[in-house]
Amino acid sequence: MTAKKHGPWTIHGSELKYRHELMKIYEDEVTRPNGEPGVYAFASIKPGVAVLAIDEENFVYLVREFRYAVGRESVEVVGGAIDEGEEASDAARRELKEELGIEAKELTPLGRVDPITSIIDSPSNLFLARGLTFGETDREGGESISTVKLKLEEAARRALTGEITHGASCVLILRAREYLSEKS
């Protein structure tokens, strides 16, 4: 590999250390910004979506799910990976239907969030879903999900007090609250 600039870093070589369907872990041989040689490891996770469904009465629909990596249940917005060749909005609609059985007439993009920029490349596209229709879920076998229905203000309070800790969920709930307050 020819050396290439990466911001103030120079990458001399990159080795894929681990591959999974959702993530890859790399180790790069680098020259650090201070000129010293080094190694930088990082994870690249498939881009994903996070979706907050809200009804006409300002109730939001979240999920409660056991999260293996943190070893506890977590209350979150609907989320998941974007499949190969899939648009982010299509992934958002698919995840909303799978996890909560909800279809949305309106899907508003509210930007993106990068949860841990120091060692993980894992962008999450944020969406607000409105005009909801409720039906059957189509959950995957590894998902044990229950629905949590809260007023938007209560969800925002929980995001601000640390009761909801999932990063993309906190950002999306607060962005949605701000977006909706500007529309009123």
N, C-alpha and C. Protein backbone atom coordinates (compact mmCIF):
# COMPACT_ATOMS: atom_id res chain seq x y z
N MET A 1 0.85 -1.19 0.00
CA MET A 1 0.00 0.00 0.00
C MET A 1 0.89 1.24 0.00
N THR A 2 0.56 2.17 -0.84
CA THR A 2 1.22 3.46 -0.86
C THR A 2 0.70 4.27 0.32
N ALA A 3 1.60 4.95 0.98
CA ALA A 3 1.20 5.78 2.13
C ALA A 3 0.16 6.80 1.68
N LYS A 4 -0.83 7.00 2.54
CA LYS A 4 -1.85 8.00 2.22
C LYS A 4 -2.15 8.84 3.44
N LYS A 5 -2.42 10.12 3.19
CA LYS A 5 -2.76 11.04 4.27
C LYS A 5 -4.19 10.75 4.73
N HIS A 6 -4.39 10.85 6.03
CA HIS A 6 -5.69 10.63 6.66
C HIS A 6 -5.81 11.71 7.74
N GLY A 7 -6.25 12.91 7.32
CA GLY A 7 -6.19 14.05 8.23
C GLY A 7 -4.73 14.31 8.55
N PRO A 8 -4.38 14.52 9.82
CA PRO A 8 -2.98 14.76 10.19
C PRO A 8 -2.18 13.46 10.33
N TRP A 9 -2.80 12.29 10.10
CA TRP A 9 -2.16 10.99 10.19
C TRP A 9 -1.71 10.55 8.79
N THR A 10 -0.76 9.64 8.74
CA THR A 10 -0.39 8.98 7.49
C THR A 10 -0.56 7.49 7.71
N ILE A 11 -1.29 6.85 6.80
CA ILE A 11 -1.51 5.40 6.87
C ILE A 11 -0.54 4.74 5.90
N HIS A 12 0.26 3.80 6.43
CA HIS A 12 1.25 3.08 5.61
C HIS A 12 0.74 1.70 5.21
N GLY A 13 -0.16 1.18 5.98
CA GLY A 13 -0.72 -0.13 5.69
C GLY A 13 -1.93 -0.38 6.57
N SER A 14 -2.84 -1.22 6.09
CA SER A 14 -4.05 -1.53 6.84
C SER A 14 -4.31 -3.03 6.73
N GLU A 15 -4.57 -3.66 7.88
CA GLU A 15 -4.83 -5.09 7.89
C GLU A 15 -6.19 -5.36 8.53
N LEU A 16 -7.03 -6.11 7.82
CA LEU A 16 -8.31 -6.53 8.36
C LEU A 16 -8.04 -7.66 9.35
N LYS A 17 -8.36 -7.43 10.62
CA LYS A 17 -8.08 -8.41 11.68
C LYS A 17 -9.26 -9.33 11.96
N TYR A 18 -10.49 -8.83 11.72
CA TYR A 18 -11.68 -9.62 12.03
C TYR A 18 -12.82 -9.14 11.14
N ARG A 19 -13.61 -10.09 10.66
CA ARG A 19 -14.77 -9.76 9.82
C ARG A 19 -15.99 -10.50 10.35
N HIS A 20 -17.09 -9.77 10.45
CA HIS A 20 -18.40 -10.30 10.84
C HIS A 20 -19.40 -9.67 9.89
N GLU A 21 -20.60 -10.22 9.79
CA GLU A 21 -21.56 -9.66 8.84
C GLU A 21 -21.90 -8.19 9.14
N LEU A 22 -21.76 -7.76 10.39
CA LEU A 22 -22.10 -6.39 10.75
C LEU A 22 -20.88 -5.50 10.97
N MET A 23 -19.69 -6.09 11.15
CA MET A 23 -18.54 -5.25 11.49
C MET A 23 -17.23 -5.83 10.97
N LYS A 24 -16.27 -4.92 10.83
CA LYS A 24 -14.90 -5.28 10.49
C LYS A 24 -13.99 -4.55 11.47
N ILE A 25 -12.91 -5.22 11.87
CA ILE A 25 -11.92 -4.58 12.74
C ILE A 25 -10.59 -4.52 12.00
N TYR A 26 -10.04 -3.32 11.95
CA TYR A 26 -8.80 -3.07 11.22
C TYR A 26 -7.69 -2.65 12.17
N GLU A 27 -6.45 -2.90 11.72
CA GLU A 27 -5.28 -2.39 12.42
C GLU A 27 -4.42 -1.71 11.36
N ASP A 28 -4.20 -0.42 11.54
CA ASP A 28 -3.43 0.37 10.58
C ASP A 28 -2.04 0.67 11.12
N GLU A 29 -1.05 0.58 10.25
CA GLU A 29 0.30 1.04 10.57
C GLU A 29 0.33 2.51 10.16
N VAL A 30 0.66 3.38 11.13
CA VAL A 30 0.51 4.82 10.90
C VAL A 30 1.74 5.60 11.33
N THR A 31 1.77 6.84 10.83
CA THR A 31 2.62 7.87 11.43
C THR A 31 1.64 8.82 12.09
N ARG A 32 1.84 9.01 13.39
CA ARG A 32 0.95 9.87 14.17
C ARG A 32 1.18 11.33 13.82
N PRO A 33 0.25 12.21 14.21
CA PRO A 33 0.43 13.64 13.92
C PRO A 33 1.73 14.23 14.46
N ASN A 34 2.29 13.64 15.53
CA ASN A 34 3.55 14.15 16.09
C ASN A 34 4.78 13.58 15.38
N GLY A 35 4.55 12.77 14.33
CA GLY A 35 5.66 12.21 13.56
C GLY A 35 6.12 10.84 14.03
N GLU A 36 5.62 10.37 15.16
CA GLU A 36 5.99 9.07 15.69
C GLU A 36 5.25 7.95 14.96
N PRO A 37 5.93 6.80 14.77
CA PRO A 37 5.23 5.65 14.17
C PRO A 37 4.30 5.01 15.21
N GLY A 38 3.29 4.32 14.71
CA GLY A 38 2.37 3.67 15.64
C GLY A 38 1.39 2.75 14.93
N VAL A 39 0.47 2.24 15.73
CA VAL A 39 -0.59 1.37 15.24
C VAL A 39 -1.91 1.95 15.74
N TYR A 40 -2.92 1.94 14.86
CA TYR A 40 -4.24 2.44 15.25
C TYR A 40 -5.26 1.38 14.86
N ALA A 41 -6.02 0.91 15.85
CA ALA A 41 -7.06 -0.09 15.60
C ALA A 41 -8.42 0.59 15.68
N PHE A 42 -9.33 0.17 14.80
CA PHE A 42 -10.68 0.71 14.83
C PHE A 42 -11.66 -0.30 14.26
N ALA A 43 -12.93 -0.12 14.61
CA ALA A 43 -14.00 -0.97 14.10
C ALA A 43 -14.82 -0.18 13.10
N SER A 44 -15.21 -0.83 12.03
CA SER A 44 -16.12 -0.26 11.05
C SER A 44 -17.39 -1.09 11.09
N ILE A 45 -18.48 -0.47 11.50
CA ILE A 45 -19.75 -1.17 11.64
C ILE A 45 -20.68 -0.67 10.54
N LYS A 46 -21.50 -1.58 9.99
CA LYS A 46 -22.42 -1.19 8.92
C LYS A 46 -23.22 0.04 9.32
N PRO A 47 -23.42 0.96 8.40
CA PRO A 47 -24.28 2.10 8.70
C PRO A 47 -25.67 1.62 9.09
N GLY A 48 -26.31 2.41 9.94
CA GLY A 48 -27.62 2.00 10.42
C GLY A 48 -28.63 3.12 10.42
N VAL A 49 -29.80 2.78 10.95
CA VAL A 49 -30.89 3.74 11.08
C VAL A 49 -31.42 3.71 12.51
N ALA A 50 -31.97 4.82 12.93
CA ALA A 50 -32.68 4.93 14.19
C ALA A 50 -33.98 5.66 13.87
N VAL A 51 -35.11 5.12 14.37
CA VAL A 51 -36.42 5.64 14.00
C VAL A 51 -37.26 5.89 15.25
N LEU A 52 -37.79 7.09 15.36
CA LEU A 52 -38.69 7.42 16.45
C LEU A 52 -40.09 7.59 15.86
N ALA A 53 -40.99 6.69 16.27
CA ALA A 53 -42.39 6.74 15.82
C ALA A 53 -43.18 7.57 16.83
N ILE A 54 -43.97 8.52 16.34
CA ILE A 54 -44.79 9.37 17.20
C ILE A 54 -46.20 9.46 16.62
N ASP A 55 -47.20 9.31 17.48
CA ASP A 55 -48.58 9.38 17.00
C ASP A 55 -49.15 10.79 17.16
N GLU A 56 -50.43 10.96 16.81
CA GLU A 56 -51.07 12.27 16.82
C GLU A 56 -51.23 12.84 18.24
N GLU A 57 -51.18 11.97 19.25
CA GLU A 57 -51.34 12.42 20.64
C GLU A 57 -49.99 12.66 21.33
N ASN A 58 -48.91 12.66 20.55
CA ASN A 58 -47.54 12.88 21.05
C ASN A 58 -46.99 11.71 21.87
N PHE A 59 -47.53 10.51 21.66
CA PHE A 59 -46.93 9.32 22.25
C PHE A 59 -45.85 8.81 21.30
N VAL A 60 -44.70 8.43 21.85
CA VAL A 60 -43.64 7.82 21.07
C VAL A 60 -43.59 6.33 21.40
N TYR A 61 -43.13 5.56 20.45
CA TYR A 61 -43.07 4.11 20.59
C TYR A 61 -41.61 3.68 20.54
N LEU A 62 -41.14 3.20 21.69
CA LEU A 62 -39.76 2.76 21.86
C LEU A 62 -39.76 1.24 22.06
N VAL A 63 -38.57 0.67 22.12
CA VAL A 63 -38.44 -0.77 22.39
C VAL A 63 -37.59 -0.97 23.63
N ARG A 64 -37.93 -2.01 24.37
CA ARG A 64 -37.10 -2.45 25.50
C ARG A 64 -36.53 -3.80 25.07
N GLU A 65 -35.19 -3.88 25.10
CA GLU A 65 -34.54 -5.08 24.61
C GLU A 65 -33.28 -5.36 25.42
N PHE A 66 -33.01 -6.64 25.70
CA PHE A 66 -31.75 -7.00 26.34
C PHE A 66 -30.64 -6.81 25.33
N ARG A 67 -29.62 -6.07 25.72
CA ARG A 67 -28.47 -5.82 24.85
C ARG A 67 -27.27 -6.59 25.36
N TYR A 68 -26.83 -7.53 24.58
CA TYR A 68 -25.77 -8.46 24.96
C TYR A 68 -24.49 -7.73 25.37
N ALA A 69 -24.07 -6.76 24.57
CA ALA A 69 -22.78 -6.10 24.81
C ALA A 69 -22.72 -5.40 26.17
N VAL A 70 -23.83 -4.81 26.63
CA VAL A 70 -23.83 -4.11 27.91
C VAL A 70 -24.41 -4.96 29.03
N GLY A 71 -24.98 -6.11 28.69
CA GLY A 71 -25.46 -7.06 29.69
C GLY A 71 -26.70 -6.61 30.46
N ARG A 72 -27.55 -5.81 29.80
CA ARG A 72 -28.76 -5.35 30.49
C ARG A 72 -29.80 -4.94 29.45
N GLU A 73 -31.03 -4.73 29.95
CA GLU A 73 -32.07 -4.21 29.08
C GLU A 73 -31.82 -2.73 28.81
N SER A 74 -32.24 -2.30 27.64
CA SER A 74 -32.07 -0.91 27.23
C SER A 74 -33.36 -0.46 26.56
N VAL A 75 -33.80 0.75 26.88
CA VAL A 75 -34.94 1.35 26.19
C VAL A 75 -34.36 2.22 25.09
N GLU A 76 -34.84 1.99 23.86
CA GLU A 76 -34.26 2.64 22.69
C GLU A 76 -35.32 2.94 21.65
N VAL A 77 -34.97 3.77 20.69
CA VAL A 77 -35.79 3.92 19.50
C VAL A 77 -35.57 2.66 18.66
N VAL A 78 -36.39 2.47 17.65
CA VAL A 78 -36.21 1.36 16.73
C VAL A 78 -34.92 1.58 15.96
N GLY A 79 -34.16 0.53 15.72
CA GLY A 79 -32.93 0.70 14.97
C GLY A 79 -32.43 -0.58 14.35
N GLY A 80 -31.51 -0.42 13.42
CA GLY A 80 -30.89 -1.58 12.79
C GLY A 80 -29.98 -1.16 11.66
N ALA A 81 -29.34 -2.16 11.07
CA ALA A 81 -28.38 -1.93 10.00
C ALA A 81 -29.09 -1.71 8.66
N ILE A 82 -28.42 -0.97 7.80
CA ILE A 82 -28.88 -0.78 6.43
C ILE A 82 -28.32 -1.95 5.61
N ASP A 83 -29.19 -2.69 4.95
CA ASP A 83 -28.75 -3.81 4.14
C ASP A 83 -28.07 -3.32 2.86
N GLU A 84 -27.24 -4.18 2.30
CA GLU A 84 -26.51 -3.87 1.06
C GLU A 84 -27.49 -3.44 -0.02
N GLY A 85 -27.26 -2.28 -0.63
CA GLY A 85 -28.09 -1.78 -1.71
C GLY A 85 -29.39 -1.14 -1.26
N GLU A 86 -29.63 -1.06 0.03
CA GLU A 86 -30.87 -0.52 0.58
C GLU A 86 -30.68 0.97 0.90
N GLU A 87 -31.68 1.76 0.64
CA GLU A 87 -31.67 3.17 1.04
C GLU A 87 -31.94 3.27 2.54
N ALA A 88 -31.39 4.29 3.19
CA ALA A 88 -31.59 4.46 4.63
C ALA A 88 -33.07 4.56 4.98
N SER A 89 -33.85 5.28 4.17
CA SER A 89 -35.28 5.42 4.47
C SER A 89 -36.01 4.09 4.36
N ASP A 90 -35.60 3.25 3.42
CA ASP A 90 -36.21 1.91 3.29
C ASP A 90 -35.85 1.05 4.49
N ALA A 91 -34.62 1.16 4.95
CA ALA A 91 -34.20 0.41 6.14
C ALA A 91 -34.99 0.88 7.36
N ALA A 92 -35.23 2.18 7.46
CA ALA A 92 -36.00 2.73 8.58
C ALA A 92 -37.42 2.16 8.57
N ARG A 93 -38.04 2.14 7.42
CA ARG A 93 -39.40 1.59 7.31
C ARG A 93 -39.41 0.09 7.64
N ARG A 94 -38.41 -0.63 7.15
CA ARG A 94 -38.33 -2.07 7.40
C ARG A 94 -38.17 -2.35 8.90
N GLU A 95 -37.25 -1.64 9.54
CA GLU A 95 -37.01 -1.86 10.98
C GLU A 95 -38.24 -1.50 11.81
N LEU A 96 -38.92 -0.42 11.46
CA LEU A 96 -40.12 -0.01 12.18
C LEU A 96 -41.19 -1.09 12.10
N LYS A 97 -41.36 -1.66 10.92
CA LYS A 97 -42.36 -2.73 10.72
C LYS A 97 -41.95 -3.99 11.47
N GLU A 98 -40.66 -4.37 11.34
CA GLU A 98 -40.19 -5.60 12.00
C GLU A 98 -40.33 -5.52 13.52
N GLU A 99 -39.84 -4.44 14.10
CA GLU A 99 -39.74 -4.37 15.56
C GLU A 99 -41.03 -3.97 16.26
N LEU A 100 -41.82 -3.08 15.64
CA LEU A 100 -43.03 -2.60 16.30
C LEU A 100 -44.31 -2.87 15.52
N GLY A 101 -44.19 -3.36 14.30
CA GLY A 101 -45.39 -3.58 13.48
C GLY A 101 -46.01 -2.28 13.01
N ILE A 102 -45.22 -1.22 12.94
CA ILE A 102 -45.72 0.11 12.57
C ILE A 102 -45.30 0.45 11.15
N GLU A 103 -46.26 1.00 10.40
CA GLU A 103 -45.96 1.60 9.11
C GLU A 103 -46.23 3.09 9.23
N ALA A 104 -45.42 3.89 8.55
CA ALA A 104 -45.53 5.36 8.66
C ALA A 104 -45.80 5.97 7.30
N LYS A 105 -46.78 6.88 7.26
CA LYS A 105 -47.05 7.62 6.03
C LYS A 105 -45.94 8.62 5.76
N GLU A 106 -45.38 9.18 6.84
CA GLU A 106 -44.37 10.24 6.71
C GLU A 106 -43.11 9.85 7.46
N LEU A 107 -41.99 9.98 6.79
CA LEU A 107 -40.69 9.70 7.39
C LEU A 107 -39.81 10.93 7.15
N THR A 108 -39.43 11.60 8.25
CA THR A 108 -38.65 12.83 8.15
C THR A 108 -37.22 12.56 8.60
N PRO A 109 -36.23 12.79 7.72
CA PRO A 109 -34.84 12.63 8.15
C PRO A 109 -34.43 13.74 9.10
N LEU A 110 -33.76 13.36 10.19
CA LEU A 110 -33.29 14.34 11.18
C LEU A 110 -31.77 14.27 11.35
N GLY A 111 -31.08 13.98 10.26
CA GLY A 111 -29.62 13.99 10.29
C GLY A 111 -29.03 12.64 10.62
N ARG A 112 -27.82 12.71 11.12
CA ARG A 112 -27.08 11.49 11.44
C ARG A 112 -26.31 11.72 12.72
N VAL A 113 -25.89 10.62 13.32
CA VAL A 113 -25.07 10.69 14.53
C VAL A 113 -23.97 9.63 14.40
N ASP A 114 -22.78 9.98 14.88
CA ASP A 114 -21.65 9.06 14.93
C ASP A 114 -21.37 8.79 16.41
N PRO A 115 -21.75 7.60 16.91
CA PRO A 115 -21.73 7.37 18.36
C PRO A 115 -20.38 7.43 19.06
N ILE A 116 -19.35 6.83 18.50
CA ILE A 116 -18.04 6.82 19.18
C ILE A 116 -16.98 7.06 18.11
N THR A 117 -16.66 8.30 17.86
CA THR A 117 -15.82 8.65 16.72
C THR A 117 -14.33 8.33 16.90
N SER A 118 -13.90 8.02 18.11
CA SER A 118 -12.47 7.77 18.32
C SER A 118 -12.02 6.40 17.81
N ILE A 119 -12.86 5.38 17.94
CA ILE A 119 -12.42 4.04 17.52
C ILE A 119 -13.48 3.26 16.74
N ILE A 120 -14.65 3.86 16.51
CA ILE A 120 -15.71 3.15 15.79
C ILE A 120 -16.28 4.04 14.71
N ASP A 121 -16.33 3.51 13.48
CA ASP A 121 -17.01 4.18 12.38
C ASP A 121 -18.35 3.48 12.25
N SER A 122 -19.43 4.13 12.71
CA SER A 122 -20.75 3.51 12.74
C SER A 122 -21.83 4.58 12.64
N PRO A 123 -21.99 5.19 11.45
CA PRO A 123 -22.99 6.25 11.33
C PRO A 123 -24.41 5.71 11.46
N SER A 124 -25.26 6.49 12.11
CA SER A 124 -26.66 6.13 12.26
C SER A 124 -27.51 7.27 11.70
N ASN A 125 -28.35 6.95 10.73
CA ASN A 125 -29.25 7.93 10.12
C ASN A 125 -30.53 8.00 10.94
N LEU A 126 -30.93 9.22 11.30
CA LEU A 126 -32.05 9.42 12.21
C LEU A 126 -33.32 9.82 11.46
N PHE A 127 -34.44 9.21 11.86
CA PHE A 127 -35.72 9.48 11.22
C PHE A 127 -36.83 9.64 12.25
N LEU A 128 -37.76 10.54 11.94
CA LEU A 128 -38.99 10.72 12.71
C LEU A 128 -40.11 10.13 11.85
N ALA A 129 -40.89 9.21 12.42
CA ALA A 129 -41.98 8.55 11.70
C ALA A 129 -43.31 9.07 12.23
N ARG A 130 -44.19 9.53 11.30
CA ARG A 130 -45.51 10.02 11.68
C ARG A 130 -46.56 9.47 10.72
N GLY A 131 -47.82 9.63 11.09
CA GLY A 131 -48.90 9.06 10.28
C GLY A 131 -48.88 7.55 10.42
N LEU A 132 -48.94 7.08 11.65
CA LEU A 132 -48.70 5.67 11.96
C LEU A 132 -49.91 4.77 11.74
N THR A 133 -49.62 3.57 11.25
CA THR A 133 -50.59 2.48 11.15
C THR A 133 -49.98 1.30 11.88
N PHE A 134 -50.78 0.66 12.75
CA PHE A 134 -50.26 -0.43 13.58
C PHE A 134 -50.70 -1.78 13.03
N GLY A 135 -49.75 -2.73 13.01
CA GLY A 135 -50.03 -4.08 12.54
C GLY A 135 -49.17 -5.07 13.30
N GLU A 136 -48.89 -6.19 12.67
CA GLU A 136 -48.10 -7.26 13.29
C GLU A 136 -46.60 -7.01 13.11
N THR A 137 -45.83 -7.43 14.12
CA THR A 137 -44.37 -7.34 14.04
C THR A 137 -43.82 -8.51 13.23
N ASP A 138 -42.56 -8.42 12.86
CA ASP A 138 -41.86 -9.49 12.15
C ASP A 138 -40.44 -9.55 12.70
N ARG A 139 -40.34 -9.82 14.00
CA ARG A 139 -39.05 -9.77 14.69
C ARG A 139 -38.16 -10.95 14.33
N GLU A 140 -36.84 -10.68 14.38
CA GLU A 140 -35.85 -11.72 14.14
C GLU A 140 -35.75 -12.63 15.35
N GLY A 141 -35.24 -13.84 15.16
CA GLY A 141 -35.17 -14.84 16.22
C GLY A 141 -34.38 -14.42 17.44
N GLY A 142 -33.35 -13.59 17.28
CA GLY A 142 -32.52 -13.17 18.40
C GLY A 142 -33.06 -11.96 19.14
N GLU A 143 -34.23 -11.48 18.74
CA GLU A 143 -34.78 -10.28 19.35
C GLU A 143 -35.90 -10.63 20.32
N SER A 144 -35.74 -10.18 21.55
CA SER A 144 -36.79 -10.29 22.56
C SER A 144 -37.14 -8.86 22.94
N ILE A 145 -38.15 -8.34 22.27
CA ILE A 145 -38.46 -6.91 22.35
C ILE A 145 -39.84 -6.71 22.95
N SER A 146 -39.95 -5.69 23.80
CA SER A 146 -41.28 -5.25 24.24
C SER A 146 -41.42 -3.77 23.88
N THR A 147 -42.65 -3.35 23.67
CA THR A 147 -42.94 -1.97 23.28
C THR A 147 -43.06 -1.09 24.52
N VAL A 148 -42.49 0.09 24.44
CA VAL A 148 -42.60 1.10 25.49
C VAL A 148 -43.27 2.32 24.86
N LYS A 149 -44.42 2.71 25.40
CA LYS A 149 -45.17 3.85 24.88
C LYS A 149 -45.12 4.97 25.93
N LEU A 150 -44.56 6.12 25.52
CA LEU A 150 -44.40 7.27 26.42
C LEU A 150 -44.77 8.55 25.68
N LYS A 151 -45.15 9.55 26.43
CA LYS A 151 -45.27 10.88 25.84
C LYS A 151 -43.86 11.35 25.43
N LEU A 152 -43.79 12.11 24.37
CA LEU A 152 -42.49 12.62 23.90
C LEU A 152 -41.75 13.35 25.00
N GLU A 153 -42.43 14.18 25.76
CA GLU A 153 -41.76 14.92 26.83
C GLU A 153 -41.17 14.00 27.89
N GLU A 154 -41.85 12.89 28.20
CA GLU A 154 -41.33 11.92 29.16
C GLU A 154 -40.10 11.22 28.60
N ALA A 155 -40.14 10.87 27.33
CA ALA A 155 -38.97 10.25 26.69
C ALA A 155 -37.78 11.22 26.71
N ALA A 156 -38.04 12.50 26.43
CA ALA A 156 -36.98 13.51 26.46
C ALA A 156 -36.41 13.65 27.88
N ARG A 157 -37.30 13.64 28.86
CA ARG A 157 -36.84 13.73 30.26
C ARG A 157 -35.93 12.54 30.58
N ARG A 158 -36.33 11.36 30.15
CA ARG A 158 -35.52 10.16 30.42
C ARG A 158 -34.19 10.21 29.69
N ALA A 159 -34.16 10.78 28.49
CA ALA A 159 -32.89 10.93 27.77
C ALA A 159 -31.98 11.91 28.51
N LEU A 160 -32.55 12.98 29.01
CA LEU A 160 -31.76 14.01 29.70
C LEU A 160 -31.27 13.57 31.08
N THR A 161 -32.03 12.71 31.76
CA THR A 161 -31.63 12.27 33.11
C THR A 161 -30.76 11.02 33.10
N GLY A 162 -30.57 10.42 31.94
CA GLY A 162 -29.74 9.22 31.87
C GLY A 162 -30.50 7.92 32.05
N GLU A 163 -31.83 7.98 32.13
CA GLU A 163 -32.61 6.74 32.19
C GLU A 163 -32.59 6.03 30.84
N ILE A 164 -32.55 6.80 29.76
CA ILE A 164 -32.31 6.25 28.42
C ILE A 164 -30.86 6.59 28.12
N THR A 165 -30.05 5.56 27.85
CA THR A 165 -28.60 5.77 27.67
C THR A 165 -28.12 5.52 26.25
N HIS A 166 -28.91 4.89 25.41
CA HIS A 166 -28.50 4.61 24.04
C HIS A 166 -28.31 5.93 23.29
N GLY A 167 -27.10 6.15 22.80
CA GLY A 167 -26.72 7.45 22.24
C GLY A 167 -27.61 7.93 21.11
N ALA A 168 -27.81 7.10 20.08
CA ALA A 168 -28.63 7.52 18.94
C ALA A 168 -30.06 7.81 19.38
N SER A 169 -30.56 7.03 20.35
CA SER A 169 -31.92 7.26 20.86
C SER A 169 -32.02 8.62 21.53
N CYS A 170 -31.05 8.94 22.38
CA CYS A 170 -31.07 10.24 23.08
C CYS A 170 -31.03 11.39 22.08
N VAL A 171 -30.13 11.31 21.12
CA VAL A 171 -30.01 12.38 20.13
C VAL A 171 -31.30 12.50 19.33
N LEU A 172 -31.84 11.38 18.87
CA LEU A 172 -33.04 11.42 18.05
C LEU A 172 -34.25 11.95 18.82
N ILE A 173 -34.44 11.50 20.04
CA ILE A 173 -35.56 11.98 20.85
C ILE A 173 -35.48 13.50 21.03
N LEU A 174 -34.30 14.00 21.34
CA LEU A 174 -34.15 15.44 21.56
C LEU A 174 -34.24 16.23 20.26
N ARG A 175 -33.70 15.71 19.18
CA ARG A 175 -33.85 16.39 17.89
C ARG A 175 -35.31 16.42 17.46
N ALA A 176 -36.02 15.31 17.66
CA ALA A 176 -37.43 15.24 17.28
C ALA A 176 -38.25 16.24 18.08
N ARG A 177 -37.98 16.32 19.38
CA ARG A 177 -38.70 17.28 20.22
C ARG A 177 -38.47 18.70 19.70
N GLU A 178 -37.24 19.03 19.39
CA GLU A 178 -36.91 20.37 18.87
C GLU A 178 -37.57 20.60 17.52
N TYR A 179 -37.48 19.63 16.63
CA TYR A 179 -38.08 19.75 15.30
C TYR A 179 -39.59 19.99 15.39
N LEU A 180 -40.25 19.20 16.23
CA LEU A 180 -41.71 19.31 16.37
C LEU A 180 -42.11 20.63 17.05
N SER A 181 -41.30 21.11 17.99
CA SER A 181 -41.64 22.38 18.66
C SER A 181 -41.49 23.54 17.69
N GLU A 182 -40.55 23.45 16.75
CA GLU A 182 -40.37 24.49 15.74
C GLU A 182 -41.52 24.49 14.73
N LYS A 183 -42.14 23.31 14.51
CA LYS A 183 -43.25 23.18 13.55
C LYS A 183 -44.57 23.66 14.13
N SER A 184 -44.66 23.77 15.48
CA SER A 184 -45.93 24.16 16.11
C SER A 184 -46.14 25.64 16.08
